[in-house]
Amino acid sequence: MLLLNNDAILFQGGLRTLVEYAENNGSVAGLQGVVLRYRSKLIDTAGDYVSELLQTYPLGVLYEYPWILRKTNICNVR
């Protein structure tokens, strides 16, 4: 599932990248692109990480786009 706001602006090839990722990873249930802060390259949100205790942690907040998500980023979210 991919939800887009009516004011979303997609980068060229962005939707294709998300769809291909979902098609190649059967365990993926939902996708979210990167949302930038207005008139900046700072990330407002790039999704959330949900821990085993069902606590959520935002990913990428205030990093400059493009930001690459790695497992070490997830582990250091707390």
N, C-alpha and C. Protein backbone atom coordinates (compact mmCIF):
# COMPACT_ATOMS: atom_id res chain seq x y z
N MET A 1 0.85 -1.17 0.00
CA MET A 1 0.00 0.00 0.00
C MET A 1 0.90 1.24 0.00
N LEU A 2 0.56 2.18 -0.82
CA LEU A 2 1.27 3.46 -0.88
C LEU A 2 0.24 4.57 -0.83
N LEU A 3 0.37 5.44 0.12
CA LEU A 3 -0.53 6.58 0.25
C LEU A 3 0.22 7.85 -0.13
N LEU A 4 -0.41 8.68 -0.93
CA LEU A 4 0.18 9.95 -1.33
C LEU A 4 -0.80 11.08 -1.05
N ASN A 5 -0.29 12.16 -0.51
CA ASN A 5 -1.12 13.35 -0.34
C ASN A 5 -1.41 13.97 -1.70
N ASN A 6 -2.48 14.74 -1.77
CA ASN A 6 -2.84 15.37 -3.05
C ASN A 6 -1.85 16.46 -3.46
N ASP A 7 -0.99 16.90 -2.55
CA ASP A 7 0.01 17.92 -2.88
C ASP A 7 1.41 17.32 -3.03
N ALA A 8 1.50 16.00 -3.12
CA ALA A 8 2.80 15.34 -3.23
C ALA A 8 3.44 15.65 -4.58
N ILE A 9 4.74 15.84 -4.55
CA ILE A 9 5.52 16.03 -5.77
C ILE A 9 6.51 14.88 -5.84
N LEU A 10 6.38 14.04 -6.85
CA LEU A 10 7.24 12.87 -6.97
C LEU A 10 8.48 13.19 -7.80
N PHE A 11 9.62 12.71 -7.33
CA PHE A 11 10.83 12.82 -8.13
C PHE A 11 10.74 11.80 -9.26
N GLN A 12 11.39 12.10 -10.37
CA GLN A 12 11.36 11.19 -11.50
C GLN A 12 11.90 9.82 -11.09
N GLY A 13 11.15 8.80 -11.34
CA GLY A 13 11.56 7.43 -10.99
C GLY A 13 11.27 7.04 -9.55
N GLY A 14 10.77 7.97 -8.74
CA GLY A 14 10.53 7.69 -7.33
C GLY A 14 9.47 6.63 -7.09
N LEU A 15 8.37 6.74 -7.79
CA LEU A 15 7.29 5.77 -7.62
C LEU A 15 7.73 4.40 -8.13
N ARG A 16 8.45 4.37 -9.22
CA ARG A 16 8.95 3.11 -9.77
C ARG A 16 9.84 2.41 -8.76
N THR A 17 10.71 3.16 -8.09
CA THR A 17 11.60 2.59 -7.08
C THR A 17 10.82 1.94 -5.95
N LEU A 18 9.79 2.62 -5.46
CA LEU A 18 8.98 2.08 -4.37
C LEU A 18 8.22 0.82 -4.80
N VAL A 19 7.63 0.85 -5.99
CA VAL A 19 6.87 -0.30 -6.49
C VAL A 19 7.79 -1.50 -6.70
N GLU A 20 8.94 -1.29 -7.29
CA GLU A 20 9.88 -2.39 -7.52
C GLU A 20 10.34 -3.00 -6.20
N TYR A 21 10.58 -2.14 -5.20
CA TYR A 21 11.00 -2.65 -3.90
C TYR A 21 9.91 -3.54 -3.31
N ALA A 22 8.66 -3.09 -3.37
CA ALA A 22 7.55 -3.85 -2.82
C ALA A 22 7.37 -5.18 -3.57
N GLU A 23 7.51 -5.15 -4.88
CA GLU A 23 7.34 -6.37 -5.67
C GLU A 23 8.44 -7.39 -5.37
N ASN A 24 9.62 -6.93 -5.05
CA ASN A 24 10.75 -7.83 -4.81
C ASN A 24 10.88 -8.27 -3.35
N ASN A 25 10.07 -7.70 -2.45
CA ASN A 25 10.14 -8.03 -1.03
C ASN A 25 8.74 -8.35 -0.54
N GLY A 26 8.41 -9.63 -0.53
CA GLY A 26 7.07 -10.07 -0.19
C GLY A 26 6.64 -9.75 1.22
N SER A 27 7.58 -9.45 2.11
CA SER A 27 7.22 -9.16 3.50
C SER A 27 6.86 -7.69 3.72
N VAL A 28 6.95 -6.87 2.68
CA VAL A 28 6.63 -5.44 2.78
C VAL A 28 5.12 -5.25 2.69
N ALA A 29 4.58 -4.55 3.70
CA ALA A 29 3.14 -4.31 3.72
C ALA A 29 2.78 -2.87 3.40
N GLY A 30 3.71 -1.96 3.60
CA GLY A 30 3.43 -0.55 3.34
C GLY A 30 4.71 0.19 2.98
N LEU A 31 4.55 1.26 2.25
CA LEU A 31 5.68 2.05 1.80
C LEU A 31 5.45 3.53 2.08
N GLN A 32 6.52 4.24 2.32
CA GLN A 32 6.43 5.69 2.46
C GLN A 32 7.67 6.30 1.83
N GLY A 33 7.48 7.32 1.07
CA GLY A 33 8.61 8.05 0.51
C GLY A 33 9.16 9.03 1.54
N VAL A 34 10.12 9.80 1.12
CA VAL A 34 10.73 10.82 1.98
C VAL A 34 9.94 12.11 1.83
N VAL A 35 9.57 12.72 2.93
CA VAL A 35 8.86 13.99 2.93
C VAL A 35 9.84 15.07 3.40
N LEU A 36 10.05 16.07 2.53
CA LEU A 36 10.98 17.15 2.86
C LEU A 36 10.26 18.32 3.49
N ARG A 37 10.98 19.05 4.32
CA ARG A 37 10.43 20.29 4.86
C ARG A 37 10.33 21.32 3.75
N TYR A 38 9.35 22.18 3.82
CA TYR A 38 9.08 23.15 2.77
C TYR A 38 10.30 24.00 2.48
N ARG A 39 10.67 24.10 1.21
CA ARG A 39 11.78 24.91 0.73
C ARG A 39 13.11 24.60 1.41
N SER A 40 13.36 23.33 1.64
CA SER A 40 14.66 22.94 2.21
C SER A 40 14.99 21.53 1.73
N LYS A 41 16.20 21.09 2.07
CA LYS A 41 16.61 19.72 1.78
C LYS A 41 16.56 18.88 3.05
N LEU A 42 15.95 19.42 4.11
CA LEU A 42 15.86 18.68 5.36
C LEU A 42 14.65 17.75 5.34
N ILE A 43 14.86 16.54 5.85
CA ILE A 43 13.80 15.54 5.87
C ILE A 43 12.84 15.82 7.02
N ASP A 44 11.56 15.86 6.71
CA ASP A 44 10.53 15.99 7.74
C ASP A 44 10.17 14.61 8.28
N THR A 45 10.04 13.64 7.39
CA THR A 45 9.79 12.26 7.79
C THR A 45 10.22 11.32 6.67
N ALA A 46 10.72 10.17 7.08
CA ALA A 46 11.05 9.12 6.12
C ALA A 46 10.51 7.80 6.66
N GLY A 47 9.42 7.89 7.41
CA GLY A 47 8.81 6.70 7.99
C GLY A 47 9.15 6.58 9.46
N ASP A 48 8.75 5.46 10.02
CA ASP A 48 8.98 5.19 11.43
C ASP A 48 9.46 3.76 11.61
N TYR A 49 10.23 3.57 12.65
CA TYR A 49 10.67 2.26 13.07
C TYR A 49 9.82 1.87 14.27
N VAL A 50 9.28 0.66 14.28
CA VAL A 50 8.48 0.18 15.40
C VAL A 50 9.27 -0.90 16.12
N SER A 51 9.52 -0.68 17.41
CA SER A 51 10.30 -1.64 18.21
C SER A 51 9.45 -2.84 18.62
N GLU A 52 10.10 -3.80 19.26
CA GLU A 52 9.41 -4.98 19.74
C GLU A 52 8.36 -4.61 20.80
N LEU A 53 8.54 -3.47 21.46
CA LEU A 53 7.61 -3.00 22.48
C LEU A 53 6.54 -2.07 21.90
N LEU A 54 6.46 -2.03 20.57
CA LEU A 54 5.51 -1.20 19.83
C LEU A 54 5.70 0.30 20.05
N GLN A 55 6.93 0.70 20.37
CA GLN A 55 7.28 2.11 20.43
C GLN A 55 7.72 2.54 19.04
N THR A 56 7.33 3.73 18.64
CA THR A 56 7.72 4.21 17.30
C THR A 56 8.83 5.25 17.41
N TYR A 57 9.72 5.20 16.46
CA TYR A 57 10.83 6.13 16.36
C TYR A 57 10.89 6.66 14.93
N PRO A 58 10.87 7.98 14.77
CA PRO A 58 10.91 8.54 13.41
C PRO A 58 12.29 8.34 12.78
N LEU A 59 12.29 8.15 11.47
CA LEU A 59 13.54 7.96 10.73
C LEU A 59 13.85 9.19 9.89
N GLY A 60 15.09 9.61 9.93
CA GLY A 60 15.57 10.64 9.03
C GLY A 60 15.25 12.07 9.38
N VAL A 61 14.56 12.32 10.47
CA VAL A 61 14.14 13.68 10.81
C VAL A 61 15.35 14.60 10.93
N LEU A 62 15.30 15.70 10.18
CA LEU A 62 16.32 16.76 10.14
C LEU A 62 17.65 16.34 9.52
N TYR A 63 17.71 15.15 8.92
CA TYR A 63 18.87 14.82 8.10
C TYR A 63 18.68 15.51 6.75
N GLU A 64 19.78 15.77 6.08
CA GLU A 64 19.68 16.39 4.76
C GLU A 64 19.46 15.32 3.70
N TYR A 65 18.53 15.59 2.78
CA TYR A 65 18.25 14.67 1.68
C TYR A 65 19.33 14.81 0.63
N PRO A 66 19.84 13.78 0.01
CA PRO A 66 19.47 12.39 0.19
C PRO A 66 20.18 11.77 1.39
N TRP A 67 19.41 11.05 2.18
CA TRP A 67 19.90 10.34 3.37
C TRP A 67 19.69 8.88 3.13
N ILE A 68 20.68 8.07 3.43
CA ILE A 68 20.59 6.64 3.15
C ILE A 68 20.35 5.89 4.46
N LEU A 69 19.28 5.12 4.49
CA LEU A 69 18.93 4.34 5.66
C LEU A 69 19.75 3.07 5.70
N ARG A 70 20.43 2.88 6.81
CA ARG A 70 21.19 1.64 7.04
C ARG A 70 20.77 1.08 8.38
N LYS A 71 21.06 -0.19 8.60
CA LYS A 71 20.68 -0.83 9.85
C LYS A 71 21.27 -0.08 11.04
N THR A 72 22.47 0.45 10.92
CA THR A 72 23.08 1.18 12.04
C THR A 72 22.27 2.44 12.38
N ASN A 73 21.63 3.07 11.38
CA ASN A 73 20.77 4.21 11.64
C ASN A 73 19.58 3.82 12.50
N ILE A 74 18.99 2.68 12.21
CA ILE A 74 17.84 2.20 12.97
C ILE A 74 18.25 1.91 14.41
N CYS A 75 19.39 1.29 14.59
CA CYS A 75 19.84 0.92 15.94
C CYS A 75 20.15 2.17 16.78
N ASN A 76 20.53 3.25 16.15
CA ASN A 76 20.90 4.47 16.86
C ASN A 76 19.76 5.47 16.98
N VAL A 77 18.55 5.08 16.60
CA VAL A 77 17.41 6.00 16.62
C VAL A 77 17.08 6.44 18.03
N ARG A 78 17.21 5.53 18.98
CA ARG A 78 16.85 5.84 20.36
C ARG A 78 17.74 6.89 20.88
